[in-house]
Protein backbone atom coordinates (compact mmCIF):
# COMPACT_ATOMS: atom_id res chain seq x y z
CA HIS A 1 114.45 -38.74 -64.49
CA ARG A 2 111.68 -39.56 -62.28
CA VAL A 3 109.74 -36.90 -60.43
CA GLN A 4 108.71 -38.00 -57.01
CA VAL A 5 105.53 -36.48 -55.61
CA PHE A 6 105.10 -36.42 -51.89
CA GLN A 7 101.63 -36.43 -50.51
CA LEU A 8 101.38 -34.76 -47.14
CA PRO A 9 99.23 -36.60 -44.61
CA LYS A 10 95.80 -35.13 -43.99
CA ILE A 11 95.21 -33.27 -40.76
CA ASP A 12 92.70 -34.58 -38.23
CA GLN A 13 89.86 -32.32 -37.15
CA THR A 14 87.27 -32.29 -34.38
CA ILE A 15 83.81 -30.81 -33.94
CA THR A 16 82.83 -28.71 -30.94
CA TYR A 17 79.07 -29.08 -30.45
CA GLY A 18 77.47 -28.39 -27.06
CA GLU A 19 74.52 -30.16 -25.45
CA LEU A 20 71.10 -29.05 -26.67
CA PRO A 21 68.56 -27.57 -24.22
CA GLU A 22 64.96 -28.78 -24.08
CA VAL A 23 62.80 -26.70 -26.40
CA LYS A 24 59.06 -26.13 -26.48
CA LEU A 25 57.13 -27.04 -29.59
CA LYS A 26 55.54 -23.57 -29.68
CA ASP A 27 59.03 -22.04 -30.13
CA GLY A 28 58.83 -23.22 -33.76
CA PHE A 29 62.51 -23.16 -34.64
CA PHE A 30 66.03 -22.42 -33.37
CA LYS A 31 69.60 -22.24 -34.68
CA LEU A 32 72.34 -24.84 -34.12
CA GLU A 33 75.93 -23.92 -33.36
CA ALA A 34 78.93 -26.16 -33.93
CA LEU A 35 82.50 -25.50 -35.03
CA ALA A 36 84.97 -27.73 -36.82
CA SER A 37 88.60 -27.21 -35.76
CA SER A 38 89.42 -27.01 -39.49
CA GLY A 39 87.08 -24.05 -39.97
CA LEU A 40 85.15 -26.05 -42.57
CA PRO A 41 81.34 -25.93 -42.41
CA VAL A 42 79.51 -28.39 -40.18
CA VAL A 43 76.49 -30.25 -41.58
CA PHE A 44 73.59 -31.29 -39.33
CA THR A 45 71.13 -34.17 -39.71
CA SER A 46 67.97 -35.14 -37.79
CA SER A 47 67.31 -38.74 -36.78
CA ASN A 48 63.56 -38.21 -37.31
CA THR A 49 62.29 -35.55 -39.70
CA ASP A 50 58.71 -36.13 -38.50
CA VAL A 51 59.78 -34.56 -35.18
CA ALA A 52 62.22 -31.90 -36.44
CA THR A 53 63.74 -30.96 -39.77
CA ILE A 54 67.04 -29.18 -40.37
CA GLU A 55 67.91 -26.80 -43.15
CA GLY A 56 71.44 -25.41 -42.85
CA VAL A 57 71.69 -24.52 -39.15
CA THR A 58 67.96 -23.97 -38.60
CA VAL A 59 65.95 -26.65 -36.79
CA THR A 60 62.19 -26.52 -37.44
CA LEU A 61 60.16 -28.18 -34.69
CA ARG A 62 57.30 -30.31 -36.01
CA LYS A 63 55.97 -32.26 -33.00
CA VAL A 64 56.74 -33.28 -29.43
CA GLY A 65 59.38 -35.98 -29.17
CA THR A 66 63.06 -36.82 -28.73
CA ILE A 67 65.55 -37.07 -31.58
CA ASN A 68 69.28 -37.06 -32.18
CA ILE A 69 70.92 -34.28 -34.15
CA THR A 70 74.27 -35.28 -35.63
CA ALA A 71 77.01 -32.80 -36.53
CA ASN A 72 79.28 -33.94 -39.38
CA GLN A 73 82.24 -32.52 -41.24
CA GLY A 74 83.37 -34.65 -44.20
CA GLY A 75 86.85 -33.23 -44.63
CA ASN A 76 88.60 -32.11 -47.82
CA ASP A 77 92.01 -32.40 -49.53
CA ILE A 78 93.74 -31.14 -46.39
CA PHE A 79 91.56 -32.40 -43.51
CA ASN A 80 90.33 -35.88 -42.61
CA PRO A 81 86.61 -36.26 -41.87
CA ALA A 82 85.79 -35.40 -38.26
CA LEU A 83 84.18 -37.93 -35.99
CA PRO A 84 80.42 -37.18 -35.94
CA VAL A 85 79.05 -35.67 -32.74
CA VAL A 86 75.51 -36.63 -31.70
CA ARG A 87 73.33 -34.58 -29.36
CA GLU A 88 69.86 -35.41 -28.05
CA LEU A 89 67.08 -32.90 -28.59
CA LYS A 90 63.90 -33.03 -26.51
CA ILE A 91 60.91 -31.14 -27.83
CA ILE A 92 58.40 -30.74 -25.02
CA LYS A 93 54.86 -29.47 -24.58
CA ASP A 94 54.30 -26.01 -23.19
CA GLU A 95 52.59 -25.38 -19.85
CA GLN A 96 49.29 -23.53 -19.69
CA SER A 97 47.14 -21.99 -17.00
CA ILE A 98 43.48 -21.09 -16.57
CA THR A 99 42.15 -17.68 -15.52
CA PHE A 100 38.79 -18.21 -13.80
CA HIS A 101 37.73 -15.43 -11.44
CA GLU A 102 35.84 -15.88 -8.17
CA LEU A 103 32.08 -16.29 -8.60
CA SER A 104 29.58 -13.88 -7.06
CA GLU A 105 26.62 -15.19 -5.12
CA VAL A 106 23.58 -15.71 -7.34
CA LYS A 107 19.87 -15.93 -6.58
CA LEU A 108 17.88 -19.03 -7.46
CA LYS A 109 15.32 -16.86 -9.27
CA ASP A 110 18.08 -15.82 -11.76
CA GLY A 111 17.65 -19.25 -13.35
CA SER A 112 20.90 -19.35 -15.30
CA PHE A 113 24.06 -17.47 -16.20
CA PHE A 114 27.24 -17.93 -18.25
CA LEU A 115 30.74 -18.75 -17.00
CA GLU A 116 33.87 -17.04 -18.28
CA ALA A 117 37.35 -18.54 -18.13
CA VAL A 118 40.31 -18.54 -20.50
CA SER A 119 43.40 -20.69 -20.89
CA SER A 120 46.79 -19.13 -21.59
CA SER A 121 47.06 -21.52 -24.57
CA GLY A 122 43.87 -20.20 -26.13
CA LEU A 123 42.40 -23.72 -26.02
CA PRO A 124 38.77 -24.00 -24.85
CA VAL A 125 38.03 -24.39 -21.14
CA THR A 126 35.44 -26.91 -19.93
CA PHE A 127 33.40 -26.67 -16.73
CA SER A 128 31.90 -29.17 -14.30
CA SER A 129 29.59 -28.93 -11.29
CA SER A 130 30.29 -30.73 -8.01
CA ASP A 131 26.54 -31.30 -7.48
CA THR A 132 24.21 -31.47 -10.46
CA ASP A 133 21.17 -31.54 -8.12
CA ILE A 134 21.99 -27.90 -7.25
CA ALA A 135 23.24 -26.63 -10.63
CA THR A 136 24.04 -28.17 -14.01
CA ILE A 137 26.47 -26.93 -16.63
CA ASP A 138 26.06 -27.19 -20.39
CA GLY A 139 29.06 -25.68 -22.15
CA LYS A 140 29.40 -22.31 -20.39
CA ALA A 141 25.75 -22.09 -19.29
CA VAL A 142 24.94 -22.77 -15.63
CA THR A 143 21.34 -23.71 -14.84
CA LEU A 144 20.34 -23.17 -11.21
CA LYS A 145 18.11 -25.91 -9.77
CA LYS A 146 17.95 -25.22 -6.02
CA THR A 147 19.69 -23.25 -3.28
CA GLY A 148 23.00 -24.47 -1.95
CA THR A 149 26.75 -24.27 -2.44
CA ILE A 150 28.72 -26.10 -5.11
CA ASN A 151 32.17 -26.06 -6.62
CA ILE A 152 32.58 -25.31 -10.31
CA THR A 153 35.79 -26.67 -11.81
CA ALA A 154 37.42 -25.19 -14.91
CA ASN A 155 39.59 -27.63 -16.89
CA GLN A 156 41.72 -27.61 -20.03
CA ALA A 157 42.97 -31.08 -21.05
CA GLY A 158 45.82 -29.95 -23.32
CA ASN A 159 46.68 -31.17 -26.82
CA ASP A 160 49.74 -32.10 -28.90
CA GLU A 161 51.38 -28.76 -28.02
CA PHE A 162 50.21 -28.03 -24.44
CA ASN A 163 50.16 -30.03 -21.21
CA PRO A 164 46.88 -30.14 -19.29
CA ALA A 165 46.28 -27.04 -17.18
CA ILE A 166 45.95 -27.26 -13.41
CA ALA A 167 42.20 -27.23 -12.73
CA VAL A 168 40.77 -24.09 -11.09
CA VAL A 169 37.91 -24.56 -8.62
CA ARG A 170 35.52 -21.76 -7.65
CA GLU A 171 32.73 -21.86 -5.07
CA LEU A 172 29.24 -20.86 -6.18
CA VAL A 173 26.60 -19.93 -3.61
CA ILE A 174 22.98 -20.07 -4.81
CA ALA A 175 20.80 -18.13 -2.40
CA ARG A 176 17.07 -17.72 -2.06
CA ALA A 177 15.58 -14.65 -3.58
CA ASP A 178 14.73 -11.82 -1.19
CA GLN A 179 11.02 -11.26 -0.81
CA VAL A 180 9.14 -8.08 -0.22
CA ILE A 181 5.81 -7.84 1.57
CA ASN A 182 3.54 -5.04 0.40
C-alpha cells in the first residue's frame, strides 16, 4: 500500500506599510510600523546605512539624506513570501533662529562694547557691520570709530544638522558724547 501525502498550497500574504513622514536629523530615531497579513514579523532594511540604520523596528538617523526602507516577510511552511514594500525616508535639517535684541544708542567715547545673540541650535552667531568706517566688529567686540548709524547683522550659517538661520539686523546709533562746561 502506498500512502499518498497531499501538500496544501501555501497561502499568499501582503504587507501593509504606510508612507514615511520627513524626519529631522535631531530627532535621532523613530519606530517603524508594518503588518503582514499572515501575522508573521516584518523585517526592515535600509538602502544606505550611512544615512540611517535599522535594528528591529527602530531607525537610527545618522545624517541628512534620502534612503529607501524596505519591509520584507519571507514566509514559512504555511505562507508564501510577501512582496517587499519600499518606502522613501527623507532625513532633513532642522530650522534655527537667532535671538538678537535691539541695540541701545551708544556714545563714541565708550570706545567699544560686546554683542550678545544666541541661535536656537546652540551654534555660534557671527556679526558684521554695514560700515566699518563707523564701527568694526571682531568676534563679539564692537569698536566704535566715529559717530553715525550702522546696521549690525547677526548670522548663523548652519551645519550638517541645521539650516542657516534667517539673519537678524539691528540698527546701532553712535552719538557724540555730551559735554559739560564748568
